[in-house]
Amino acid sequence: MVKPIGINRQHEVILDTYLLTVCESMKELSTETKYNNFLEVVNIIVKYHNEYSAKRLGAYSDFMSIIPTNVTSCYSGFIAGVETQRNRSTCRAYKTLLTELSHNIISDLEKLQLEKD
């Protein structure tokens, strides 16, 4: 997986932990082929995040929200695609936990923004 660029070490740890948790969760729900497809999309998101940072394309808040916003959409769509009647409760449990994690990550990133100002 592509390593995300952060504004400081704390930001990088937050993003690394978030991405690792999401990816490991999706690995539990799918076949190897589907998981590799998921990783391809996550890598595209992280590359976009890194390019956004390097080229200074926009606002600080936009940069800080690229990964959590897009990865949340990514795993939500992925879970919808792999959910079956047999694994429905597991998929919904992962989605609930990951959504809560995403909210926590956004909150942590907002604190980083406040420290920067």
PDB file of N, CA and C in Angstrom:
ATOM      1  N   MET A   1       0.849  -1.179   0.000  1.00  0.00           N
ATOM      2  CA  MET A   1       0.000   0.000   0.000  1.00  0.00           C
ATOM      3  C   MET A   1       0.893   1.240   0.000  1.00  0.00           C
ATOM      4  N   VAL A   2       0.438   2.265  -0.695  1.00  0.00           N
ATOM      5  CA  VAL A   2       1.145   3.544  -0.762  1.00  0.00           C
ATOM      6  C   VAL A   2       1.071   4.205   0.611  1.00  0.00           C
ATOM      7  N   LYS A   3       2.180   4.777   1.057  1.00  0.00           N
ATOM      8  CA  LYS A   3       2.223   5.441   2.360  1.00  0.00           C
ATOM      9  C   LYS A   3       1.751   6.879   2.218  1.00  0.00           C
ATOM     10  N   PRO A   4       0.785   7.286   3.051  1.00  0.00           N
ATOM     11  CA  PRO A   4       0.295   8.667   2.966  1.00  0.00           C
ATOM     12  C   PRO A   4       1.286   9.665   3.555  1.00  0.00           C
ATOM     13  N   ILE A   5       1.319  10.850   2.975  1.00  0.00           N
ATOM     14  CA  ILE A   5       2.136  11.949   3.471  1.00  0.00           C
ATOM     15  C   ILE A   5       1.300  12.734   4.474  1.00  0.00           C
ATOM     16  N   GLY A   6       1.895  13.035   5.600  1.00  0.00           N
ATOM     17  CA  GLY A   6       1.196  13.810   6.612  1.00  0.00           C
ATOM     18  C   GLY A   6       1.877  15.142   6.849  1.00  0.00           C
ATOM     19  N   ILE A   7       1.212  16.024   7.588  1.00  0.00           N
ATOM     20  CA  ILE A   7       1.786  17.323   7.908  1.00  0.00           C
ATOM     21  C   ILE A   7       2.842  17.207   9.005  1.00  0.00           C
ATOM     22  N   ASN A   8       2.743  16.105   9.784  1.00  0.00           N
ATOM     23  CA  ASN A   8       3.730  15.817  10.818  1.00  0.00           C
ATOM     24  C   ASN A   8       3.629  14.330  11.149  1.00  0.00           C
ATOM     25  N   ARG A   9       4.450  13.889  12.070  1.00  0.00           N
ATOM     26  CA  ARG A   9       4.480  12.465  12.416  1.00  0.00           C
ATOM     27  C   ARG A   9       3.138  11.996  12.996  1.00  0.00           C
ATOM     28  N   GLN A  10       2.523  12.815  13.824  1.00  0.00           N
ATOM     29  CA  GLN A  10       1.232  12.452  14.426  1.00  0.00           C
ATOM     30  C   GLN A  10       0.175  12.238  13.346  1.00  0.00           C
ATOM     31  N   HIS A  11       0.151  13.095  12.357  1.00  0.00           N
ATOM     32  CA  HIS A  11      -0.790  12.957  11.246  1.00  0.00           C
ATOM     33  C   HIS A  11      -0.543  11.652  10.495  1.00  0.00           C
ATOM     34  N   GLU A  12       0.710  11.334  10.247  1.00  0.00           N
ATOM     35  CA  GLU A  12       1.040  10.102   9.542  1.00  0.00           C
ATOM     36  C   GLU A  12       0.608   8.872  10.333  1.00  0.00           C
ATOM     37  N   VAL A  13       0.797   8.894  11.657  1.00  0.00           N
ATOM     38  CA  VAL A  13       0.384   7.765  12.499  1.00  0.00           C
ATOM     39  C   VAL A  13      -1.131   7.597  12.450  1.00  0.00           C
ATOM     40  N   ILE A  14      -1.861   8.693  12.532  1.00  0.00           N
ATOM     41  CA  ILE A  14      -3.329   8.638  12.466  1.00  0.00           C
ATOM     42  C   ILE A  14      -3.768   8.008  11.148  1.00  0.00           C
ATOM     43  N   LEU A  15      -3.201   8.476  10.039  1.00  0.00           N
ATOM     44  CA  LEU A  15      -3.586   7.954   8.721  1.00  0.00           C
ATOM     45  C   LEU A  15      -3.173   6.497   8.553  1.00  0.00           C
ATOM     46  N   ASP A  16      -1.954   6.152   8.976  1.00  0.00           N
ATOM     47  CA  ASP A  16      -1.485   4.767   8.859  1.00  0.00           C
ATOM     48  C   ASP A  16      -2.381   3.810   9.651  1.00  0.00           C
ATOM     49  N   THR A  17      -2.714   4.188  10.871  1.00  0.00           N
ATOM     50  CA  THR A  17      -3.557   3.350  11.721  1.00  0.00           C
ATOM     51  C   THR A  17      -4.945   3.184  11.108  1.00  0.00           C
ATOM     52  N   TYR A  18      -5.494   4.276  10.626  1.00  0.00           N
ATOM     53  CA  TYR A  18      -6.814   4.248   9.992  1.00  0.00           C
ATOM     54  C   TYR A  18      -6.813   3.323   8.774  1.00  0.00           C
ATOM     55  N   LEU A  19      -5.861   3.524   7.893  1.00  0.00           N
ATOM     56  CA  LEU A  19      -5.813   2.720   6.668  1.00  0.00           C
ATOM     57  C   LEU A  19      -5.566   1.245   6.967  1.00  0.00           C
ATOM     58  N   LEU A  20      -4.683   0.960   7.903  1.00  0.00           N
ATOM     59  CA  LEU A  20      -4.407  -0.427   8.276  1.00  0.00           C
ATOM     60  C   LEU A  20      -5.660  -1.095   8.837  1.00  0.00           C
ATOM     61  N   THR A  21      -6.371  -0.398   9.694  1.00  0.00           N
ATOM     62  CA  THR A  21      -7.593  -0.951  10.290  1.00  0.00           C
ATOM     63  C   THR A  21      -8.656  -1.214   9.231  1.00  0.00           C
ATOM     64  N   VAL A  22      -8.872  -0.249   8.355  1.00  0.00           N
ATOM     65  CA  VAL A  22      -9.865  -0.418   7.295  1.00  0.00           C
ATOM     66  C   VAL A  22      -9.482  -1.575   6.376  1.00  0.00           C
ATOM     67  N   CYS A  23      -8.235  -1.600   5.950  1.00  0.00           N
ATOM     68  CA  CYS A  23      -7.811  -2.638   5.002  1.00  0.00           C
ATOM     69  C   CYS A  23      -7.866  -4.031   5.615  1.00  0.00           C
ATOM     70  N   GLU A  24      -7.432  -4.158   6.847  1.00  0.00           N
ATOM     71  CA  GLU A  24      -7.501  -5.467   7.501  1.00  0.00           C
ATOM     72  C   GLU A  24      -8.957  -5.914   7.682  1.00  0.00           C
ATOM     73  N   SER A  25      -9.832  -4.985   7.959  1.00  0.00           N
ATOM     74  CA  SER A  25     -11.250  -5.313   8.094  1.00  0.00           C
ATOM     75  C   SER A  25     -11.822  -5.811   6.774  1.00  0.00           C
ATOM     76  N   MET A  26     -11.474  -5.149   5.677  1.00  0.00           N
ATOM     77  CA  MET A  26     -11.996  -5.555   4.369  1.00  0.00           C
ATOM     78  C   MET A  26     -11.417  -6.902   3.949  1.00  0.00           C
ATOM     79  N   LYS A  27     -10.205  -7.178   4.386  1.00  0.00           N
ATOM     80  CA  LYS A  27      -9.577  -8.468   4.084  1.00  0.00           C
ATOM     81  C   LYS A  27     -10.382  -9.611   4.708  1.00  0.00           C
ATOM     82  N   GLU A  28     -10.925  -9.356   5.891  1.00  0.00           N
ATOM     83  CA  GLU A  28     -11.728 -10.366   6.589  1.00  0.00           C
ATOM     84  C   GLU A  28     -13.044 -10.671   5.869  1.00  0.00           C
ATOM     85  N   LEU A  29     -13.529  -9.718   5.085  1.00  0.00           N
ATOM     86  CA  LEU A  29     -14.854  -9.855   4.471  1.00  0.00           C
ATOM     87  C   LEU A  29     -14.841 -10.386   3.040  1.00  0.00           C
ATOM     88  N   SER A  30     -13.672 -10.576   2.458  1.00  0.00           N
ATOM     89  CA  SER A  30     -13.669 -10.834   1.022  1.00  0.00           C
ATOM     90  C   SER A  30     -12.657 -11.879   0.599  1.00  0.00           C
ATOM     91  N   THR A  31     -12.717 -12.185  -0.677  1.00  0.00           N
ATOM     92  CA  THR A  31     -11.733 -13.067  -1.280  1.00  0.00           C
ATOM     93  C   THR A  31     -10.462 -12.266  -1.554  1.00  0.00           C
ATOM     94  N   GLU A  32      -9.408 -12.961  -1.857  1.00  0.00           N
ATOM     95  CA  GLU A  32      -8.135 -12.287  -2.139  1.00  0.00           C
ATOM     96  C   GLU A  32      -8.242 -11.370  -3.354  1.00  0.00           C
ATOM     97  N   THR A  33      -8.931 -11.812  -4.387  1.00  0.00           N
ATOM     98  CA  THR A  33      -9.079 -11.005  -5.594  1.00  0.00           C
ATOM     99  C   THR A  33      -9.854  -9.718  -5.316  1.00  0.00           C
ATOM    100  N   LYS A  34     -10.968  -9.841  -4.619  1.00  0.00           N
ATOM    101  CA  LYS A  34     -11.762  -8.652  -4.301  1.00  0.00           C
ATOM    102  C   LYS A  34     -10.994  -7.719  -3.369  1.00  0.00           C
ATOM    103  N   TYR A  35     -10.262  -8.300  -2.440  1.00  0.00           N
ATOM    104  CA  TYR A  35      -9.460  -7.483  -1.522  1.00  0.00           C
ATOM    105  C   TYR A  35      -8.384  -6.717  -2.290  1.00  0.00           C
ATOM    106  N   ASN A  36      -7.734  -7.369  -3.225  1.00  0.00           N
ATOM    107  CA  ASN A  36      -6.718  -6.684  -4.031  1.00  0.00           C
ATOM    108  C   ASN A  36      -7.329  -5.551  -4.850  1.00  0.00           C
ATOM    109  N   ASN A  37      -8.548  -5.731  -5.341  1.00  0.00           N
ATOM    110  CA  ASN A  37      -9.246  -4.656  -6.049  1.00  0.00           C
ATOM    111  C   ASN A  37      -9.522  -3.486  -5.100  1.00  0.00           C
ATOM    112  N   PHE A  38      -9.917  -3.801  -3.877  1.00  0.00           N
ATOM    113  CA  PHE A  38     -10.141  -2.767  -2.863  1.00  0.00           C
ATOM    114  C   PHE A  38      -8.843  -1.997  -2.611  1.00  0.00           C
ATOM    115  N   LEU A  39      -7.734  -2.710  -2.454  1.00  0.00           N
ATOM    116  CA  LEU A  39      -6.438  -2.057  -2.215  1.00  0.00           C
ATOM    117  C   LEU A  39      -6.040  -1.133  -3.361  1.00  0.00           C
ATOM    118  N   GLU A  40      -6.355  -1.529  -4.585  1.00  0.00           N
ATOM    119  CA  GLU A  40      -6.058  -0.668  -5.739  1.00  0.00           C
ATOM    120  C   GLU A  40      -6.764   0.677  -5.601  1.00  0.00           C
ATOM    121  N   VAL A  41      -8.022   0.655  -5.192  1.00  0.00           N
ATOM    122  CA  VAL A  41      -8.782   1.893  -5.029  1.00  0.00           C
ATOM    123  C   VAL A  41      -8.208   2.719  -3.877  1.00  0.00           C
ATOM    124  N   VAL A  42      -7.874   2.080  -2.777  1.00  0.00           N
ATOM    125  CA  VAL A  42      -7.279   2.797  -1.641  1.00  0.00           C
ATOM    126  C   VAL A  42      -5.960   3.438  -2.062  1.00  0.00           C
ATOM    127  N   ASN A  43      -5.163   2.732  -2.828  1.00  0.00           N
ATOM    128  CA  ASN A  43      -3.896   3.301  -3.308  1.00  0.00           C
ATOM    129  C   ASN A  43      -4.121   4.530  -4.185  1.00  0.00           C
ATOM    130  N   ILE A  44      -5.146   4.511  -4.997  1.00  0.00           N
ATOM    131  CA  ILE A  44      -5.477   5.677  -5.824  1.00  0.00           C
ATOM    132  C   ILE A  44      -5.842   6.858  -4.930  1.00  0.00           C
ATOM    133  N   ILE A  45      -6.612   6.606  -3.881  1.00  0.00           N
ATOM    134  CA  ILE A  45      -7.000   7.673  -2.951  1.00  0.00           C
ATOM    135  C   ILE A  45      -5.765   8.250  -2.258  1.00  0.00           C
ATOM    136  N   VAL A  46      -4.877   7.378  -1.783  1.00  0.00           N
ATOM    137  CA  VAL A  46      -3.678   7.848  -1.084  1.00  0.00           C
ATOM    138  C   VAL A  46      -2.759   8.607  -2.042  1.00  0.00           C
ATOM    139  N   LYS A  47      -2.617   8.128  -3.258  1.00  0.00           N
ATOM    140  CA  LYS A  47      -1.793   8.850  -4.245  1.00  0.00           C
ATOM    141  C   LYS A  47      -2.358  10.238  -4.513  1.00  0.00           C
ATOM    142  N   TYR A  48      -3.673  10.326  -4.628  1.00  0.00           N
ATOM    143  CA  TYR A  48      -4.310  11.632  -4.832  1.00  0.00           C
ATOM    144  C   TYR A  48      -4.031  12.544  -3.638  1.00  0.00           C
ATOM    145  N   HIS A  49      -4.172  12.012  -2.446  1.00  0.00           N
ATOM    146  CA  HIS A  49      -3.863  12.762  -1.214  1.00  0.00           C
ATOM    147  C   HIS A  49      -2.419  13.273  -1.247  1.00  0.00           C
ATOM    148  N   ASN A  50      -1.499  12.396  -1.599  1.00  0.00           N
ATOM    149  CA  ASN A  50      -0.083  12.775  -1.624  1.00  0.00           C
ATOM    150  C   ASN A  50       0.206  13.823  -2.699  1.00  0.00           C
ATOM    151  N   GLU A  51      -0.392  13.671  -3.861  1.00  0.00           N
ATOM    152  CA  GLU A  51      -0.200  14.661  -4.934  1.00  0.00           C
ATOM    153  C   GLU A  51      -0.820  16.000  -4.560  1.00  0.00           C
ATOM    154  N   TYR A  52      -1.949  15.958  -3.911  1.00  0.00           N
ATOM    155  CA  TYR A  52      -2.619  17.175  -3.465  1.00  0.00           C
ATOM    156  C   TYR A  52      -1.702  17.954  -2.535  1.00  0.00           C
ATOM    157  N   SER A  53      -1.038  17.222  -1.650  1.00  0.00           N
ATOM    158  CA  SER A  53      -0.106  17.840  -0.708  1.00  0.00           C
ATOM    159  C   SER A  53       1.106  18.417  -1.445  1.00  0.00           C
ATOM    160  N   ALA A  54       1.679  17.633  -2.328  1.00  0.00           N
ATOM    161  CA  ALA A  54       2.900  18.047  -3.028  1.00  0.00           C
ATOM    162  C   ALA A  54       2.667  19.248  -3.933  1.00  0.00           C
ATOM    163  N   LYS A  55       1.513  19.298  -4.556  1.00  0.00           N
ATOM    164  CA  LYS A  55       1.232  20.381  -5.511  1.00  0.00           C
ATOM    165  C   LYS A  55       0.521  21.557  -4.864  1.00  0.00           C
ATOM    166  N   ARG A  56       0.147  21.403  -3.576  1.00  0.00           N
ATOM    167  CA  ARG A  56      -0.563  22.462  -2.849  1.00  0.00           C
ATOM    168  C   ARG A  56      -1.759  22.974  -3.666  1.00  0.00           C
ATOM    169  N   LEU A  57      -2.622  22.026  -4.004  1.00  0.00           N
ATOM    170  CA  LEU A  57      -3.738  22.318  -4.895  1.00  0.00           C
ATOM    171  C   LEU A  57      -4.903  23.054  -4.251  1.00  0.00           C
ATOM    172  N   GLY A  58      -5.008  23.012  -2.945  1.00  0.00           N
ATOM    173  CA  GLY A  58      -6.187  23.621  -2.352  1.00  0.00           C
ATOM    174  C   GLY A  58      -6.032  23.900  -0.880  1.00  0.00           C
ATOM    175  N   ALA A  59      -7.138  23.993  -0.235  1.00  0.00           N
ATOM    176  CA  ALA A  59      -7.192  24.363   1.172  1.00  0.00           C
ATOM    177  C   ALA A  59      -6.678  23.246   2.073  1.00  0.00           C
ATOM    178  N   TYR A  60      -6.184  23.646   3.209  1.00  0.00           N
ATOM    179  CA  TYR A  60      -5.670  22.729   4.223  1.00  0.00           C
ATOM    180  C   TYR A  60      -6.751  21.736   4.648  1.00  0.00           C
ATOM    181  N   SER A  61      -7.960  22.198   4.889  1.00  0.00           N
ATOM    182  CA  SER A  61      -9.043  21.318   5.336  1.00  0.00           C
ATOM    183  C   SER A  61      -9.397  20.289   4.263  1.00  0.00           C
ATOM    184  N   ASP A  62      -9.310  20.680   3.003  1.00  0.00           N
ATOM    185  CA  ASP A  62      -9.551  19.729   1.919  1.00  0.00           C
ATOM    186  C   ASP A  62      -8.513  18.611   1.955  1.00  0.00           C
ATOM    187  N   PHE A  63      -7.259  18.992   2.110  1.00  0.00           N
ATOM    188  CA  PHE A  63      -6.171  18.015   2.174  1.00  0.00           C
ATOM    189  C   PHE A  63      -6.373  17.053   3.339  1.00  0.00           C
ATOM    190  N   MET A  64      -6.737  17.580   4.495  1.00  0.00           N
ATOM    191  CA  MET A  64      -6.884  16.761   5.691  1.00  0.00           C
ATOM    192  C   MET A  64      -8.053  15.782   5.572  1.00  0.00           C
ATOM    193  N   SER A  65      -9.037  16.093   4.759  1.00  0.00           N
ATOM    194  CA  SER A  65     -10.233  15.244   4.679  1.00  0.00           C
ATOM    195  C   SER A  65     -10.233  14.268   3.505  1.00  0.00           C
ATOM    196  N   ILE A  66      -9.263  14.339   2.622  1.00  0.00           N
ATOM    197  CA  ILE A  66      -9.264  13.475   1.427  1.00  0.00           C
ATOM    198  C   ILE A  66      -9.335  11.998   1.797  1.00  0.00           C
ATOM    199  N   ILE A  67      -8.437  11.538   2.645  1.00  0.00           N
ATOM    200  CA  ILE A  67      -8.390  10.111   2.959  1.00  0.00           C
ATOM    201  C   ILE A  67      -9.617   9.658   3.736  1.00  0.00           C
ATOM    202  N   PRO A  68      -9.966  10.283   4.857  1.00  0.00           N
ATOM    203  CA  PRO A  68     -11.138   9.744   5.572  1.00  0.00           C
ATOM    204  C   PRO A  68     -12.438   9.805   4.777  1.00  0.00           C
ATOM    205  N   THR A  69     -12.640  10.863   4.029  1.00  0.00           N
ATOM    206  CA  THR A  69     -13.879  10.990   3.258  1.00  0.00           C
ATOM    207  C   THR A  69     -13.957   9.946   2.151  1.00  0.00           C
ATOM    208  N   ASN A  70     -12.891   9.839   1.374  1.00  0.00           N
ATOM    209  CA  ASN A  70     -12.911   8.924   0.236  1.00  0.00           C
ATOM    210  C   ASN A  70     -12.803   7.462   0.638  1.00  0.00           C
ATOM    211  N   VAL A  71     -12.035   7.162   1.669  1.00  0.00           N
ATOM    212  CA  VAL A  71     -11.930   5.773   2.120  1.00  0.00           C
ATOM    213  C   VAL A  71     -13.248   5.315   2.747  1.00  0.00           C
ATOM    214  N   THR A  72     -13.949   6.208   3.412  1.00  0.00           N
ATOM    215  CA  THR A  72     -15.260   5.853   3.956  1.00  0.00           C
ATOM    216  C   THR A  72     -16.216   5.463   2.829  1.00  0.00           C
ATOM    217  N   SER A  73     -16.231   6.252   1.781  1.00  0.00           N
ATOM    218  CA  SER A  73     -17.069   5.908   0.624  1.00  0.00           C
ATOM    219  C   SER A  73     -16.624   4.598  -0.002  1.00  0.00           C
ATOM    220  N   CYS A  74     -15.327   4.412  -0.056  1.00  0.00           N
ATOM    221  CA  CYS A  74     -14.761   3.202  -0.657  1.00  0.00           C
ATOM    222  C   CYS A  74     -15.182   1.950   0.115  1.00  0.00           C
ATOM    223  N   TYR A  75     -14.982   1.946   1.434  1.00  0.00           N
ATOM    224  CA  TYR A  75     -15.336   0.731   2.175  1.00  0.00           C
ATOM    225  C   TYR A  75     -16.852   0.542   2.255  1.00  0.00           C
ATOM    226  N   SER A  76     -17.613   1.620   2.255  1.00  0.00           N
ATOM    227  CA  SER A  76     -19.076   1.474   2.270  1.00  0.00           C
ATOM    228  C   SER A  76     -19.556   0.776   1.002  1.00  0.00           C
ATOM    229  N   GLY A  77     -19.037   1.201  -0.134  1.00  0.00           N
ATOM    230  CA  GLY A  77     -19.388   0.567  -1.403  1.00  0.00           C
ATOM    231  C   GLY A  77     -18.894  -0.860  -1.480  1.00  0.00           C
ATOM    232  N   PHE A  78     -17.699  -1.092  -0.977  1.00  0.00           N
ATOM    233  CA  PHE A  78     -17.121  -2.431  -0.993  1.00  0.00           C
ATOM    234  C   PHE A  78     -17.961  -3.391  -0.152  1.00  0.00           C
ATOM    235  N   ILE A  79     -18.319  -2.953   1.047  1.00  0.00           N
ATOM    236  CA  ILE A  79     -19.133  -3.801   1.922  1.00  0.00           C
ATOM    237  C   ILE A  79     -20.478  -4.110   1.266  1.00  0.00           C
ATOM    238  N   ALA A  80     -21.081  -3.113   0.636  1.00  0.00           N
ATOM    239  CA  ALA A  80     -22.355  -3.348  -0.054  1.00  0.00           C
ATOM    240  C   ALA A  80     -22.189  -4.392  -1.154  1.00  0.00           C
ATOM    241  N   GLY A  81     -21.039  -4.397  -1.790  1.00  0.00           N
ATOM    242  CA  GLY A  81     -20.795  -5.341  -2.876  1.00  0.00           C
ATOM    243  C   GLY A  81     -20.507  -6.760  -2.427  1.00  0.00           C
ATOM    244  N   VAL A  82     -19.938  -6.930  -1.234  1.00  0.00           N
ATOM    245  CA  VAL A  82     -19.604  -8.282  -0.772  1.00  0.00           C
ATOM    246  C   VAL A  82     -20.638  -8.849   0.193  1.00  0.00           C
ATOM    247  N   GLU A  83     -21.582  -8.018   0.609  1.00  0.00           N
ATOM    248  CA  GLU A  83     -22.580  -8.480   1.574  1.00  0.00           C
ATOM    249  C   GLU A  83     -23.515  -9.511   0.950  1.00  0.00           C
ATOM    250  N   THR A  84     -23.714 -10.588   1.674  1.00  0.00           N
ATOM    251  CA  THR A  84     -24.665 -11.632   1.294  1.00  0.00           C
ATOM    252  C   THR A  84     -25.591 -11.862   2.487  1.00  0.00           C
ATOM    253  N   GLN A  85     -26.586 -12.676   2.282  1.00  0.00           N
ATOM    254  CA  GLN A  85     -27.490 -12.976   3.388  1.00  0.00           C
ATOM    255  C   GLN A  85     -26.726 -13.683   4.517  1.00  0.00           C
ATOM    256  N   ARG A  86     -25.752 -14.487   4.144  1.00  0.00           N
ATOM    257  CA  ARG A  86     -24.990 -15.261   5.124  1.00  0.00           C
ATOM    258  C   ARG A  86     -24.049 -14.395   5.963  1.00  0.00           C
ATOM    259  N   ASN A  87     -23.473 -13.339   5.362  1.00  0.00           N
ATOM    260  CA  ASN A  87     -22.499 -12.522   6.104  1.00  0.00           C
ATOM    261  C   ASN A  87     -23.040 -11.130   6.461  1.00  0.00           C
ATOM    262  N   ARG A  88     -24.337 -10.945   6.290  1.00  0.00           N
ATOM    263  CA  ARG A  88     -24.941  -9.622   6.495  1.00  0.00           C
ATOM    264  C   ARG A  88     -24.625  -9.032   7.870  1.00  0.00           C
ATOM    265  N   SER A  89     -24.775  -9.805   8.922  1.00  0.00           N
ATOM    266  CA  SER A  89     -24.550  -9.252  10.265  1.00  0.00           C
ATOM    267  C   SER A  89     -23.075  -8.876  10.463  1.00  0.00           C
ATOM    268  N   THR A  90     -22.171  -9.666   9.933  1.00  0.00           N
ATOM    269  CA  THR A  90     -20.743  -9.345  10.032  1.00  0.00           C
ATOM    270  C   THR A  90     -20.429  -8.082   9.254  1.00  0.00           C
ATOM    271  N   CYS A  91     -20.953  -7.965   8.051  1.00  0.00           N
ATOM    272  CA  CYS A  91     -20.717  -6.773   7.228  1.00  0.00           C
ATOM    273  C   CYS A  91     -21.244  -5.520   7.922  1.00  0.00           C
ATOM    274  N   ARG A  92     -22.416  -5.612   8.468  1.00  0.00           N
ATOM    275  CA  ARG A  92     -23.009  -4.448   9.141  1.00  0.00           C
ATOM    276  C   ARG A  92     -22.229  -4.078  10.399  1.00  0.00           C
ATOM    277  N   ALA A  93     -21.715  -5.083  11.095  1.00  0.00           N
ATOM    278  CA  ALA A  93     -20.903  -4.804  12.284  1.00  0.00           C
ATOM    279  C   ALA A  93     -19.618  -4.074  11.886  1.00  0.00           C
ATOM    280  N   TYR A  94     -18.958  -4.555  10.831  1.00  0.00           N
ATOM    281  CA  TYR A  94     -17.746  -3.878  10.353  1.00  0.00           C
ATOM    282  C   TYR A  94     -18.059  -2.452   9.910  1.00  0.00           C
ATOM    283  N   LYS A  95     -19.151  -2.293   9.191  1.00  0.00           N
ATOM    284  CA  LYS A  95     -19.496  -0.952   8.707  1.00  0.00           C
ATOM    285  C   LYS A  95     -19.748  -0.002   9.872  1.00  0.00           C
ATOM    286  N   THR A  96     -20.437  -0.466  10.887  1.00  0.00           N
ATOM    287  CA  THR A  96     -20.706   0.368  12.058  1.00  0.00           C
ATOM    288  C   THR A  96     -19.406   0.747  12.766  1.00  0.00           C
ATOM    289  N   LEU A  97     -18.547  -0.232  12.992  1.00  0.00           N
ATOM    290  CA  LEU A  97     -17.274   0.036  13.668  1.00  0.00           C
ATOM    291  C   LEU A  97     -16.376   0.960  12.855  1.00  0.00           C
ATOM    292  N   LEU A  98     -16.308   0.730  11.559  1.00  0.00           N
ATOM    293  CA  LEU A  98     -15.452   1.568  10.712  1.00  0.00           C
ATOM    294  C   LEU A  98     -16.004   2.984  10.565  1.00  0.00           C
ATOM    295  N   THR A  99     -17.310   3.113  10.561  1.00  0.00           N
ATOM    296  CA  THR A  99     -17.911   4.447  10.494  1.00  0.00           C
ATOM    297  C   THR A  99     -17.585   5.228  11.765  1.00  0.00           C
ATOM    298  N   GLU A 100     -17.660   4.549  12.901  1.00  0.00           N
ATOM    299  CA  GLU A 100     -17.291   5.207  14.161  1.00  0.00           C
ATOM    300  C   GLU A 100     -15.814   5.580  14.151  1.00  0.00           C
ATOM    301  N   LEU A 101     -14.974   4.692  13.640  1.00  0.00           N
ATOM    302  CA  LEU A 101     -13.546   4.989  13.519  1.00  0.00           C
ATOM    303  C   LEU A 101     -13.319   6.198  12.622  1.00  0.00           C
ATOM    304  N   SER A 102     -14.044   6.276  11.518  1.00  0.00           N
ATOM    305  CA  SER A 102     -13.910   7.413  10.595  1.00  0.00           C
ATOM    306  C   SER A 102     -14.277   8.724  11.279  1.00  0.00           C
ATOM    307  N   HIS A 103     -15.339   8.711  12.065  1.00  0.00           N
ATOM    308  CA  HIS A 103     -15.724   9.917  12.813  1.00  0.00           C
ATOM    309  C   HIS A 103     -14.628  10.311  13.801  1.00  0.00           C
ATOM    310  N   ASN A 104     -14.039   9.320  14.458  1.00  0.00           N
ATOM    311  CA  ASN A 104     -12.955   9.598  15.405  1.00  0.00           C
ATOM    312  C   ASN A 104     -11.723  10.158  14.702  1.00  0.00           C
ATOM    313  N   ILE A 105     -11.422   9.614  13.531  1.00  0.00           N
ATOM    314  CA  ILE A 105     -10.267  10.094  12.761  1.00  0.00           C
ATOM    315  C   ILE A 105     -10.479  11.546  12.364  1.00  0.00           C
ATOM    316  N   ILE A 106     -11.657  11.859  11.883  1.00  0.00           N
ATOM    317  CA  ILE A 106     -11.954  13.242  11.484  1.00  0.00           C
ATOM    318  C   ILE A 106     -11.822  14.176  12.678  1.00  0.00           C
ATOM    319  N   SER A 107     -12.299  13.744  13.821  1.00  0.00           N
ATOM    320  CA  SER A 107     -12.167  14.545  15.039  1.00  0.00           C
ATOM    321  C   SER A 107     -10.695  14.754  15.401  1.00  0.00           C
ATOM    322  N   ASP A 108      -9.906  13.683  15.305  1.00  0.00           N
ATOM    323  CA  ASP A 108      -8.467  13.792  15.584  1.00  0.00           C
ATOM    324  C   ASP A 108      -7.785  14.744  14.606  1.00  0.00           C
ATOM    325  N   LEU A 109      -8.176  14.678  13.341  1.00  0.00           N
ATOM    326  CA  LEU A 109      -7.572  15.544  12.334  1.00  0.00           C
ATOM    327  C   LEU A 109      -7.960  17.002  12.534  1.00  0.00           C
ATOM    328  N   GLU A 110      -9.185  17.234  13.007  1.00  0.00           N
ATOM    329  CA  GLU A 110      -9.605  18.606  13.310  1.00  0.00           C
ATOM    330  C   GLU A 110      -8.759  19.188  14.429  1.00  0.00           C
ATOM    331  N   LYS A 111      -8.408  18.377  15.405  1.00  0.00           N
ATOM    332  CA  LYS A 111      -7.541  18.828  16.494  1.00  0.00           C
ATOM    333  C   LYS A 111      -6.161  19.194  15.968  1.00  0.00           C
ATOM    334  N   LEU A 112      -5.659  18.416  15.033  1.00  0.00           N
ATOM    335  CA  LEU A 112      -4.365  18.739  14.423  1.00  0.00           C
ATOM    336  C   LEU A 112      -4.446  20.089  13.736  1.00  0.00           C
ATOM    337  N   GLN A 113      -5.564  20.339  13.056  1.00  0.00           N
ATOM    338  CA  GLN A 113      -5.746  21.608  12.367  1.00  0.00           C
ATOM    339  C   GLN A 113      -5.736  22.762  13.358  1.00  0.00           C
ATOM    340  N   LEU A 114      -6.402  22.584  14.484  1.00  0.00           N
ATOM    341  CA  LEU A 114      -6.445  23.646  15.484  1.00  0.00           C
ATOM    342  C   LEU A 114      -5.056  23.924  16.044  1.00  0.00           C
ATOM    343  N   GLU A 115      -4.252  22.872  16.227  1.00  0.00           N
ATOM    344  CA  GLU A 115      -2.889  23.054  16.732  1.00  0.00           C
ATOM    345  C   GLU A 115      -2.028  23.797  15.725  1.00  0.00           C
ATOM    346  N   LYS A 116      -2.307  23.605  14.443  1.00  0.00           N
ATOM    347  CA  LYS A 116      -1.507  24.233  13.400  1.00  0.00           C
ATOM    348  C   LYS A 116      -1.759  25.728  13.327  1.00  0.00           C
ATOM    349  N   ASP A 117      -3.006  26.160  13.564  1.00  0.00           N
ATOM    350  CA  ASP A 117      -3.379  27.574  13.430  1.00  0.00           C
ATOM    351  C   ASP A 117      -2.705  28.447  14.402  1.00  0.00           C
TER     352      ASP A 117
END
